[in-house]
Amino acid sequence: MNLVRVKGWGVREAARYVGVMPGTISKWLAKAPHDLRAGIPTLSSAPHTHPNQISRDIERMIVDERKKHGRCGQVVWETLKQRGVDVSVNTVQRVLDRHGLIKKYSPWKKRHISIPRPAVAIPGDLVEVDTIHEVSASSRFYVYTLLDVASRWAYALVTKKISAGMSLLFVARAQKRIVFPFATVQSDHGPEFSSWFTTHLDADHRHIRVGKPNDNAHIERFNRTIQDECLKKVPRSIEAYAAALPKYLRYYNMERIHMGIEYKTPMQKVDELFPRSWG
């Protein structure tokens, strides 16, 4: 373009010099801005029309149904199908994608590879950890929770913040409270259980599979139990939680029987294979 516009070369002369067809030079001249500083815009080669293109009314129905309830493309497709709208599920997905209504995995987020879930035979084979987020009128704090799947032995700790370092410290404190070693520690994909936590943990670390929350079902149920039986009965403050948790954990591990372990307490289950170690 500079050769033609600035130096005054002819279209064919410039085409021969740079090795392209004269028609290409003519098309660039038609699209190029006058000062060339912004470059030559590249137009999409997608066709403007298609013989199988859906109507704007159907496209609007797809978008409106998505925005109304926020359901996935398959549910939107089935809903429209029940209304008599003949459209494929792939078309629904393309429309939602075109309107920016599909959540896509961030290319910058680190992907955690989940190792196979270990078989649970004895205490320590699989220990699940999680965090409970608490927000009061004046502060925000957290409760770390840990549960051994085989024995249902549990531990919890209230903290002012969560981080990979704090998670490592929490697991280490839990390990000192019980005799059996932790072989595999399982967590969700929260930032407090990052790759740094995996590297420095003295056990195998397994992230639950993406989209499979049931992988952490035992610890999620324990979170509900400790909230219903302990945390909701005391003021929502870090001081009240710190005072209530040790008493409740002693009751949970030594007195509370569990249907899932044959109506035994967690420490009774531990004592079947390991000597008593609760302090």
C-alpha atoms as a PDB file:
ATOM      1  CA  MET A   1       0.000   0.000   0.000  1.00  0.00           C
ATOM      2  CA  ASN A   2       2.902   2.360   0.699  1.00  0.00           C
ATOM      3  CA  LEU A   3       4.375   1.604  -2.689  1.00  0.00           C
ATOM      4  CA  VAL A   4       1.140   2.606  -4.422  1.00  0.00           C
ATOM      5  CA  ARG A   5      -0.032   5.474  -2.232  1.00  0.00           C
ATOM      6  CA  VAL A   6       3.246   7.030  -1.087  1.00  0.00           C
ATOM      7  CA  LYS A   7       5.671   6.243  -3.896  1.00  0.00           C
ATOM      8  CA  GLY A   8       3.088   6.381  -6.657  1.00  0.00           C
ATOM      9  CA  TRP A   9       3.700   2.944  -8.138  1.00  0.00           C
ATOM     10  CA  GLY A  10       1.103   1.371 -10.358  1.00  0.00           C
ATOM     11  CA  VAL A  11      -0.977  -1.557  -9.127  1.00  0.00           C
ATOM     12  CA  ARG A  12       0.581  -4.056 -11.552  1.00  0.00           C
ATOM     13  CA  GLU A  13       4.091  -2.798 -10.867  1.00  0.00           C
ATOM     14  CA  ALA A  14       3.619  -3.196  -7.115  1.00  0.00           C
ATOM     15  CA  ALA A  15       2.037  -6.627  -7.612  1.00  0.00           C
ATOM     16  CA  ARG A  16       5.025  -7.870  -9.631  1.00  0.00           C
ATOM     17  CA  TYR A  17       7.449  -6.449  -7.045  1.00  0.00           C
ATOM     18  CA  VAL A  18       5.884  -8.147  -3.975  1.00  0.00           C
ATOM     19  CA  GLY A  19       4.763 -11.286  -5.826  1.00  0.00           C
ATOM     20  CA  VAL A  20       0.945 -11.147  -5.538  1.00  0.00           C
ATOM     21  CA  MET A  21      -1.895 -10.802  -8.027  1.00  0.00           C
ATOM     22  CA  PRO A  22      -2.935  -7.304  -9.100  1.00  0.00           C
ATOM     23  CA  GLY A  23      -6.469  -8.064  -7.937  1.00  0.00           C
ATOM     24  CA  THR A  24      -5.124  -8.608  -4.429  1.00  0.00           C
ATOM     25  CA  ILE A  25      -3.511  -5.172  -4.464  1.00  0.00           C
ATOM     26  CA  SER A  26      -6.801  -3.635  -5.636  1.00  0.00           C
ATOM     27  CA  LYS A  27      -8.758  -5.310  -2.832  1.00  0.00           C
ATOM     28  CA  TRP A  28      -6.213  -4.125  -0.256  1.00  0.00           C
ATOM     29  CA  LEU A  29      -6.502  -0.592  -1.600  1.00  0.00           C
ATOM     30  CA  ALA A  30     -10.281  -0.687  -1.189  1.00  0.00           C
ATOM     31  CA  LYS A  31     -10.114  -1.880   2.430  1.00  0.00           C
ATOM     32  CA  ALA A  32      -7.003  -0.112   3.715  1.00  0.00           C
ATOM     33  CA  PRO A  33      -7.476   3.069   5.786  1.00  0.00           C
ATOM     34  CA  HIS A  34      -5.925   6.220   4.458  1.00  0.00           C
ATOM     35  CA  ASP A  35      -2.986   6.434   6.912  1.00  0.00           C
ATOM     36  CA  LEU A  36      -2.401   2.630   7.136  1.00  0.00           C
ATOM     37  CA  ARG A  37      -1.468   2.956  10.809  1.00  0.00           C
ATOM     38  CA  ALA A  38      -4.385   0.766  11.895  1.00  0.00           C
ATOM     39  CA  GLY A  39      -3.507  -1.942   9.388  1.00  0.00           C
ATOM     40  CA  ILE A  40      -5.840  -3.552   6.887  1.00  0.00           C
ATOM     41  CA  PRO A  41      -8.919  -4.998   8.613  1.00  0.00           C
ATOM     42  CA  THR A  42      -9.508  -8.705   8.043  1.00  0.00           C
ATOM     43  CA  LEU A  43     -13.142  -9.446   7.304  1.00  0.00           C
ATOM     44  CA  SER A  44     -14.772 -12.730   8.253  1.00  0.00           C
ATOM     45  CA  SER A  45     -15.098 -15.282   5.478  1.00  0.00           C
ATOM     46  CA  ALA A  46     -18.261 -16.743   7.019  1.00  0.00           C
ATOM     47  CA  PRO A  47     -21.303 -16.518   4.748  1.00  0.00           C
ATOM     48  CA  HIS A  48     -23.921 -13.915   5.625  1.00  0.00           C
ATOM     49  CA  THR A  49     -26.791 -16.312   4.917  1.00  0.00           C
ATOM     50  CA  HIS A  50     -27.336 -20.069   4.885  1.00  0.00           C
ATOM     51  CA  PRO A  51     -30.223 -22.098   3.462  1.00  0.00           C
ATOM     52  CA  ASN A  52     -30.677 -23.913   6.818  1.00  0.00           C
ATOM     53  CA  GLN A  53     -30.314 -20.807   8.979  1.00  0.00           C
ATOM     54  CA  ILE A  54     -32.882 -20.594  11.802  1.00  0.00           C
ATOM     55  CA  SER A  55     -35.201 -17.619  11.979  1.00  0.00           C
ATOM     56  CA  ARG A  56     -34.502 -14.654  14.223  1.00  0.00           C
ATOM     57  CA  ASP A  57     -37.607 -15.515  16.246  1.00  0.00           C
ATOM     58  CA  ILE A  58     -36.241 -18.958  17.163  1.00  0.00           C
ATOM     59  CA  GLU A  59     -32.847 -17.472  17.952  1.00  0.00           C
ATOM     60  CA  ARG A  60     -34.520 -14.941  20.232  1.00  0.00           C
ATOM     61  CA  MET A  61     -36.470 -17.728  21.969  1.00  0.00           C
ATOM     62  CA  ILE A  62     -33.232 -19.626  22.648  1.00  0.00           C
ATOM     63  CA  VAL A  63     -31.537 -16.570  24.116  1.00  0.00           C
ATOM     64  CA  ASP A  64     -34.572 -15.564  26.189  1.00  0.00           C
ATOM     65  CA  GLU A  65     -34.965 -19.072  27.645  1.00  0.00           C
ATOM     66  CA  ARG A  66     -31.308 -19.139  28.616  1.00  0.00           C
ATOM     67  CA  LYS A  67     -31.468 -15.731  30.296  1.00  0.00           C
ATOM     68  CA  LYS A  68     -34.757 -16.552  32.033  1.00  0.00           C
ATOM     69  CA  HIS A  69     -33.529 -19.499  34.104  1.00  0.00           C
ATOM     70  CA  GLY A  70     -29.828 -19.864  33.265  1.00  0.00           C
ATOM     71  CA  ARG A  71     -30.227 -23.536  32.330  1.00  0.00           C
ATOM     72  CA  CYS A  72     -27.777 -25.404  30.116  1.00  0.00           C
ATOM     73  CA  GLY A  73     -28.109 -25.759  26.351  1.00  0.00           C
ATOM     74  CA  GLN A  74     -29.559 -29.281  26.540  1.00  0.00           C
ATOM     75  CA  VAL A  75     -32.328 -28.113  28.889  1.00  0.00           C
ATOM     76  CA  VAL A  76     -33.052 -25.103  26.670  1.00  0.00           C
ATOM     77  CA  TRP A  77     -33.276 -27.428  23.665  1.00  0.00           C
ATOM     78  CA  GLU A  78     -35.652 -29.823  25.447  1.00  0.00           C
ATOM     79  CA  THR A  79     -37.825 -26.925  26.662  1.00  0.00           C
ATOM     80  CA  LEU A  80     -38.195 -25.545  23.142  1.00  0.00           C
ATOM     81  CA  LYS A  81     -38.789 -29.051  21.812  1.00  0.00           C
ATOM     82  CA  GLN A  82     -41.730 -29.481  24.194  1.00  0.00           C
ATOM     83  CA  ARG A  83     -43.129 -26.207  22.846  1.00  0.00           C
ATOM     84  CA  GLY A  84     -42.994 -27.575  19.318  1.00  0.00           C
ATOM     85  CA  VAL A  85     -39.887 -25.680  18.173  1.00  0.00           C
ATOM     86  CA  ASP A  86     -37.915 -27.859  15.731  1.00  0.00           C
ATOM     87  CA  VAL A  87     -34.234 -27.077  16.355  1.00  0.00           C
ATOM     88  CA  SER A  88     -31.200 -29.270  17.035  1.00  0.00           C
ATOM     89  CA  VAL A  89     -29.222 -29.216  20.265  1.00  0.00           C
ATOM     90  CA  ASN A  90     -26.081 -28.254  18.318  1.00  0.00           C
ATOM     91  CA  THR A  91     -27.870 -25.222  16.905  1.00  0.00           C
ATOM     92  CA  VAL A  92     -28.900 -24.194  20.411  1.00  0.00           C
ATOM     93  CA  GLN A  93     -25.298 -24.476  21.591  1.00  0.00           C
ATOM     94  CA  ARG A  94     -24.023 -22.412  18.643  1.00  0.00           C
ATOM     95  CA  VAL A  95     -26.579 -19.682  19.280  1.00  0.00           C
ATOM     96  CA  LEU A  96     -25.684 -19.511  22.970  1.00  0.00           C
ATOM     97  CA  ASP A  97     -21.990 -19.413  22.095  1.00  0.00           C
ATOM     98  CA  ARG A  98     -22.526 -16.660  19.539  1.00  0.00           C
ATOM     99  CA  HIS A  99     -24.289 -14.536  22.158  1.00  0.00           C
ATOM    100  CA  GLY A 100     -21.620 -15.165  24.796  1.00  0.00           C
ATOM    101  CA  LEU A 101     -23.945 -17.182  27.030  1.00  0.00           C
ATOM    102  CA  ILE A 102     -21.737 -20.253  27.501  1.00  0.00           C
ATOM    103  CA  LYS A 103     -19.243 -20.409  30.344  1.00  0.00           C
ATOM    104  CA  LYS A 104     -15.910 -21.535  28.977  1.00  0.00           C
ATOM    105  CA  TYR A 105     -12.920 -22.939  30.845  1.00  0.00           C
ATOM    106  CA  SER A 106     -10.313 -20.248  31.384  1.00  0.00           C
ATOM    107  CA  PRO A 107      -7.131 -20.971  29.398  1.00  0.00           C
ATOM    108  CA  TRP A 108      -5.106 -19.392  32.237  1.00  0.00           C
ATOM    109  CA  LYS A 109      -6.478 -21.602  35.014  1.00  0.00           C
ATOM    110  CA  LYS A 110      -4.175 -24.445  35.985  1.00  0.00           C
ATOM    111  CA  ARG A 111      -5.741 -27.830  35.437  1.00  0.00           C
ATOM    112  CA  HIS A 112      -5.405 -30.344  38.253  1.00  0.00           C
ATOM    113  CA  ILE A 113      -5.066 -33.957  37.148  1.00  0.00           C
ATOM    114  CA  SER A 114      -7.018 -36.221  39.502  1.00  0.00           C
ATOM    115  CA  ILE A 115      -5.178 -39.393  40.425  1.00  0.00           C
ATOM    116  CA  PRO A 116      -7.308 -42.558  40.721  1.00  0.00           C
ATOM    117  CA  ARG A 117      -9.444 -42.720  43.855  1.00  0.00           C
ATOM    118  CA  PRO A 118      -7.800 -45.215  46.245  1.00  0.00           C
ATOM    119  CA  ALA A 119      -9.661 -48.202  47.654  1.00  0.00           C
ATOM    120  CA  VAL A 120     -10.634 -47.496  51.263  1.00  0.00           C
ATOM    121  CA  ALA A 121      -9.857 -50.449  53.529  1.00  0.00           C
ATOM    122  CA  ILE A 122      -8.211 -49.012  56.643  1.00  0.00           C
ATOM    123  CA  PRO A 123      -8.088 -45.584  58.314  1.00  0.00           C
ATOM    124  CA  GLY A 124      -5.817 -43.197  56.449  1.00  0.00           C
ATOM    125  CA  ASP A 125      -6.380 -44.677  53.001  1.00  0.00           C
ATOM    126  CA  LEU A 126      -8.467 -41.641  52.044  1.00  0.00           C
ATOM    127  CA  VAL A 127      -8.767 -38.431  54.077  1.00  0.00           C
ATOM    128  CA  GLU A 128     -11.012 -35.667  52.725  1.00  0.00           C
ATOM    129  CA  VAL A 129     -10.468 -31.974  53.539  1.00  0.00           C
ATOM    130  CA  ASP A 130     -12.555 -28.893  52.881  1.00  0.00           C
ATOM    131  CA  THR A 131     -13.243 -25.355  54.124  1.00  0.00           C
ATOM    132  CA  ILE A 132     -16.382 -23.678  55.433  1.00  0.00           C
ATOM    133  CA  HIS A 133     -16.603 -19.943  54.703  1.00  0.00           C
ATOM    134  CA  GLU A 134     -18.202 -17.853  57.437  1.00  0.00           C
ATOM    135  CA  VAL A 135     -19.129 -14.195  57.045  1.00  0.00           C
ATOM    136  CA  SER A 136     -20.301 -12.096  59.991  1.00  0.00           C
ATOM    137  CA  ALA A 137     -21.323  -8.454  60.151  1.00  0.00           C
ATOM    138  CA  SER A 138     -17.786  -7.361  61.017  1.00  0.00           C
ATOM    139  CA  SER A 139     -15.421 -10.041  59.752  1.00  0.00           C
ATOM    140  CA  ARG A 140     -14.801 -13.041  57.536  1.00  0.00           C
ATOM    141  CA  PHE A 141     -13.242 -16.263  58.786  1.00  0.00           C
ATOM    142  CA  TYR A 142     -13.007 -19.928  57.840  1.00  0.00           C
ATOM    143  CA  VAL A 143     -13.315 -23.421  59.305  1.00  0.00           C
ATOM    144  CA  TYR A 144     -11.020 -26.137  57.970  1.00  0.00           C
ATOM    145  CA  THR A 145     -12.554 -29.606  58.158  1.00  0.00           C
ATOM    146  CA  LEU A 146     -11.017 -33.061  57.734  1.00  0.00           C
ATOM    147  CA  LEU A 147     -12.618 -36.521  57.719  1.00  0.00           C
ATOM    148  CA  ASP A 148     -11.165 -40.009  57.405  1.00  0.00           C
ATOM    149  CA  VAL A 149     -13.502 -42.005  55.178  1.00  0.00           C
ATOM    150  CA  ALA A 150     -12.810 -45.423  56.699  1.00  0.00           C
ATOM    151  CA  SER A 151     -13.306 -44.531  60.365  1.00  0.00           C
ATOM    152  CA  ARG A 152     -15.222 -41.207  60.094  1.00  0.00           C
ATOM    153  CA  TRP A 153     -12.656 -39.680  62.441  1.00  0.00           C
ATOM    154  CA  ALA A 154     -12.818 -35.900  62.075  1.00  0.00           C
ATOM    155  CA  TYR A 155     -10.871 -32.777  62.879  1.00  0.00           C
ATOM    156  CA  ALA A 156     -11.644 -29.083  62.438  1.00  0.00           C
ATOM    157  CA  LEU A 157      -9.908 -25.755  62.998  1.00  0.00           C
ATOM    158  CA  VAL A 158     -11.115 -22.149  62.728  1.00  0.00           C
ATOM    159  CA  THR A 159      -8.753 -19.628  61.088  1.00  0.00           C
ATOM    160  CA  LYS A 160      -8.772 -15.988  60.038  1.00  0.00           C
ATOM    161  CA  LYS A 161      -7.542 -16.782  56.535  1.00  0.00           C
ATOM    162  CA  ILE A 162      -7.048 -19.673  54.149  1.00  0.00           C
ATOM    163  CA  SER A 163      -4.026 -20.356  51.960  1.00  0.00           C
ATOM    164  CA  ALA A 164      -1.969 -23.266  50.712  1.00  0.00           C
ATOM    165  CA  GLY A 165       0.385 -22.815  53.654  1.00  0.00           C
ATOM    166  CA  MET A 166      -2.459 -22.733  56.161  1.00  0.00           C
ATOM    167  CA  SER A 167      -3.952 -25.862  54.574  1.00  0.00           C
ATOM    168  CA  LEU A 168      -0.620 -27.657  54.982  1.00  0.00           C
ATOM    169  CA  LEU A 169      -0.431 -26.595  58.633  1.00  0.00           C
ATOM    170  CA  PHE A 170      -3.999 -27.776  59.248  1.00  0.00           C
ATOM    171  CA  VAL A 171      -3.331 -31.249  57.823  1.00  0.00           C
ATOM    172  CA  ALA A 172      -0.123 -31.488  59.861  1.00  0.00           C
ATOM    173  CA  ARG A 173      -2.011 -30.622  63.060  1.00  0.00           C
ATOM    174  CA  ALA A 174      -4.648 -33.220  62.271  1.00  0.00           C
ATOM    175  CA  GLN A 175      -1.969 -35.849  61.650  1.00  0.00           C
ATOM    176  CA  LYS A 176      -0.473 -35.213  65.113  1.00  0.00           C
ATOM    177  CA  ARG A 177      -3.863 -35.878  66.721  1.00  0.00           C
ATOM    178  CA  ILE A 178      -4.280 -39.414  65.427  1.00  0.00           C
ATOM    179  CA  VAL A 179      -2.071 -42.498  65.151  1.00  0.00           C
ATOM    180  CA  PHE A 180      -2.772 -43.702  61.618  1.00  0.00           C
ATOM    181  CA  PRO A 181      -0.812 -42.035  58.797  1.00  0.00           C
ATOM    182  CA  PHE A 182      -2.567 -40.167  55.999  1.00  0.00           C
ATOM    183  CA  ALA A 183      -1.873 -41.995  52.738  1.00  0.00           C
ATOM    184  CA  THR A 184      -4.080 -39.905  50.416  1.00  0.00           C
ATOM    185  CA  VAL A 185      -5.569 -36.478  51.095  1.00  0.00           C
ATOM    186  CA  GLN A 186      -8.454 -35.439  48.852  1.00  0.00           C
ATOM    187  CA  SER A 187      -9.750 -31.898  48.309  1.00  0.00           C
ATOM    188  CA  ASP A 188     -11.681 -29.759  45.867  1.00  0.00           C
ATOM    189  CA  HIS A 189     -10.026 -27.293  43.480  1.00  0.00           C
ATOM    190  CA  GLY A 190     -10.011 -24.307  45.824  1.00  0.00           C
ATOM    191  CA  PRO A 191      -6.952 -22.005  45.793  1.00  0.00           C
ATOM    192  CA  GLU A 192      -6.070 -23.158  49.321  1.00  0.00           C
ATOM    193  CA  PHE A 193      -5.405 -26.632  47.860  1.00  0.00           C
ATOM    194  CA  SER A 194      -3.180 -25.514  45.008  1.00  0.00           C
ATOM    195  CA  SER A 195      -0.171 -27.167  43.386  1.00  0.00           C
ATOM    196  CA  TRP A 196       2.069 -25.766  46.138  1.00  0.00           C
ATOM    197  CA  PHE A 197      -0.010 -27.662  48.691  1.00  0.00           C
ATOM    198  CA  THR A 198       0.309 -30.814  46.588  1.00  0.00           C
ATOM    199  CA  THR A 199       4.100 -30.492  46.349  1.00  0.00           C
ATOM    200  CA  HIS A 200       4.723 -29.949  50.073  1.00  0.00           C
ATOM    201  CA  LEU A 201       2.175 -32.425  51.459  1.00  0.00           C
ATOM    202  CA  ASP A 202       3.625 -35.563  53.081  1.00  0.00           C
ATOM    203  CA  ALA A 203       0.991 -37.725  51.378  1.00  0.00           C
ATOM    204  CA  ASP A 204      -0.585 -38.218  47.991  1.00  0.00           C
ATOM    205  CA  HIS A 205      -2.928 -35.371  47.104  1.00  0.00           C
ATOM    206  CA  ARG A 206      -5.974 -36.066  44.991  1.00  0.00           C
ATOM    207  CA  HIS A 207      -8.218 -33.335  43.573  1.00  0.00           C
ATOM    208  CA  ILE A 208     -11.808 -34.377  43.028  1.00  0.00           C
ATOM    209  CA  ARG A 209     -12.852 -34.758  39.416  1.00  0.00           C
ATOM    210  CA  VAL A 210     -14.240 -31.626  37.784  1.00  0.00           C
ATOM    211  CA  GLY A 211     -18.031 -31.726  37.760  1.00  0.00           C
ATOM    212  CA  LYS A 212     -18.087 -34.666  40.229  1.00  0.00           C
ATOM    213  CA  PRO A 213     -18.910 -33.117  43.640  1.00  0.00           C
ATOM    214  CA  ASN A 214     -19.946 -36.534  44.972  1.00  0.00           C
ATOM    215  CA  ASP A 215     -16.245 -37.401  45.139  1.00  0.00           C
ATOM    216  CA  ASN A 216     -16.171 -35.318  48.336  1.00  0.00           C
ATOM    217  CA  ALA A 217     -19.536 -36.481  49.669  1.00  0.00           C
ATOM    218  CA  HIS A 218     -18.261 -37.612  53.091  1.00  0.00           C
ATOM    219  CA  ILE A 219     -16.640 -34.299  54.033  1.00  0.00           C
ATOM    220  CA  GLU A 220     -19.580 -32.305  52.656  1.00  0.00           C
ATOM    221  CA  ARG A 221     -21.916 -34.312  54.894  1.00  0.00           C
ATOM    222  CA  PHE A 222     -19.627 -33.718  57.859  1.00  0.00           C
ATOM    223  CA  ASN A 223     -19.681 -29.981  57.109  1.00  0.00           C
ATOM    224  CA  ARG A 224     -23.467 -30.044  57.331  1.00  0.00           C
ATOM    225  CA  THR A 225     -23.350 -32.056  60.561  1.00  0.00           C
ATOM    226  CA  ILE A 226     -20.860 -29.802  62.320  1.00  0.00           C
ATOM    227  CA  GLN A 227     -22.826 -26.734  61.278  1.00  0.00           C
ATOM    228  CA  ASP A 228     -26.172 -28.099  62.477  1.00  0.00           C
ATOM    229  CA  GLU A 229     -24.923 -29.649  65.719  1.00  0.00           C
ATOM    230  CA  CYS A 230     -22.267 -27.135  66.752  1.00  0.00           C
ATOM    231  CA  LEU A 231     -21.620 -23.943  64.821  1.00  0.00           C
ATOM    232  CA  LYS A 232     -25.238 -22.774  64.529  1.00  0.00           C
ATOM    233  CA  LYS A 233     -25.654 -23.027  68.313  1.00  0.00           C
ATOM    234  CA  VAL A 234     -22.937 -20.481  69.145  1.00  0.00           C
ATOM    235  CA  PRO A 235     -22.399 -16.832  68.141  1.00  0.00           C
ATOM    236  CA  ARG A 236     -20.924 -16.392  64.683  1.00  0.00           C
ATOM    237  CA  SER A 237     -17.449 -15.286  65.712  1.00  0.00           C
ATOM    238  CA  ILE A 238     -13.982 -16.791  65.507  1.00  0.00           C
ATOM    239  CA  GLU A 239     -13.674 -16.758  69.312  1.00  0.00           C
ATOM    240  CA  ALA A 240     -16.940 -18.652  69.853  1.00  0.00           C
ATOM    241  CA  TYR A 241     -16.073 -21.219  67.180  1.00  0.00           C
ATOM    242  CA  ALA A 242     -12.588 -21.761  68.619  1.00  0.00           C
ATOM    243  CA  ALA A 243     -14.092 -22.485  72.038  1.00  0.00           C
ATOM    244  CA  ALA A 244     -16.876 -24.780  70.775  1.00  0.00           C
ATOM    245  CA  LEU A 245     -15.015 -26.923  68.222  1.00  0.00           C
ATOM    246  CA  PRO A 246     -12.723 -28.925  70.589  1.00  0.00           C
ATOM    247  CA  LYS A 247     -15.669 -29.941  72.788  1.00  0.00           C
ATOM    248  CA  TYR A 248     -17.757 -30.975  69.810  1.00  0.00           C
ATOM    249  CA  LEU A 249     -14.921 -32.908  68.161  1.00  0.00           C
ATOM    250  CA  ARG A 250     -14.380 -34.900  71.358  1.00  0.00           C
ATOM    251  CA  TYR A 251     -18.085 -35.773  71.378  1.00  0.00           C
ATOM    252  CA  TYR A 252     -18.110 -36.529  67.616  1.00  0.00           C
ATOM    253  CA  ASN A 253     -15.093 -38.834  67.691  1.00  0.00           C
ATOM    254  CA  MET A 254     -15.627 -40.575  71.024  1.00  0.00           C
ATOM    255  CA  GLU A 255     -19.373 -40.600  71.754  1.00  0.00           C
ATOM    256  CA  ARG A 256     -21.428 -40.045  68.603  1.00  0.00           C
ATOM    257  CA  ILE A 257     -22.310 -43.354  66.922  1.00  0.00           C
ATOM    258  CA  HIS A 258     -22.483 -43.566  63.110  1.00  0.00           C
ATOM    259  CA  MET A 259     -24.748 -45.768  61.042  1.00  0.00           C
ATOM    260  CA  GLY A 260     -22.154 -45.910  58.251  1.00  0.00           C
ATOM    261  CA  ILE A 261     -19.614 -47.687  60.498  1.00  0.00           C
ATOM    262  CA  GLU A 262     -21.953 -50.231  62.094  1.00  0.00           C
ATOM    263  CA  TYR A 263     -23.228 -47.970  64.897  1.00  0.00           C
ATOM    264  CA  LYS A 264     -19.769 -47.400  66.320  1.00  0.00           C
ATOM    265  CA  THR A 265     -17.956 -44.218  67.208  1.00  0.00           C
ATOM    266  CA  PRO A 266     -15.022 -43.136  65.039  1.00  0.00           C
ATOM    267  CA  MET A 267     -12.506 -43.983  67.769  1.00  0.00           C
ATOM    268  CA  GLN A 268     -14.025 -47.430  68.209  1.00  0.00           C
ATOM    269  CA  LYS A 269     -13.530 -47.976  64.491  1.00  0.00           C
ATOM    270  CA  VAL A 270      -9.939 -46.752  64.715  1.00  0.00           C
ATOM    271  CA  ASP A 271      -9.247 -49.036  67.672  1.00  0.00           C
ATOM    272  CA  GLU A 272     -10.146 -52.064  65.595  1.00  0.00           C
ATOM    273  CA  LEU A 273      -6.847 -51.607  63.728  1.00  0.00           C
ATOM    274  CA  PHE A 274      -4.885 -48.989  65.675  1.00  0.00           C
ATOM    275  CA  PRO A 275      -4.387 -48.228  69.420  1.00  0.00           C
ATOM    276  CA  ARG A 276      -6.220 -45.261  70.924  1.00  0.00           C
ATOM    277  CA  SER A 277      -4.462 -41.989  70.275  1.00  0.00           C
ATOM    278  CA  TRP A 278      -7.014 -39.247  70.910  1.00  0.00           C
ATOM    279  CA  GLY A 279      -5.623 -36.606  73.277  1.00  0.00           C
END
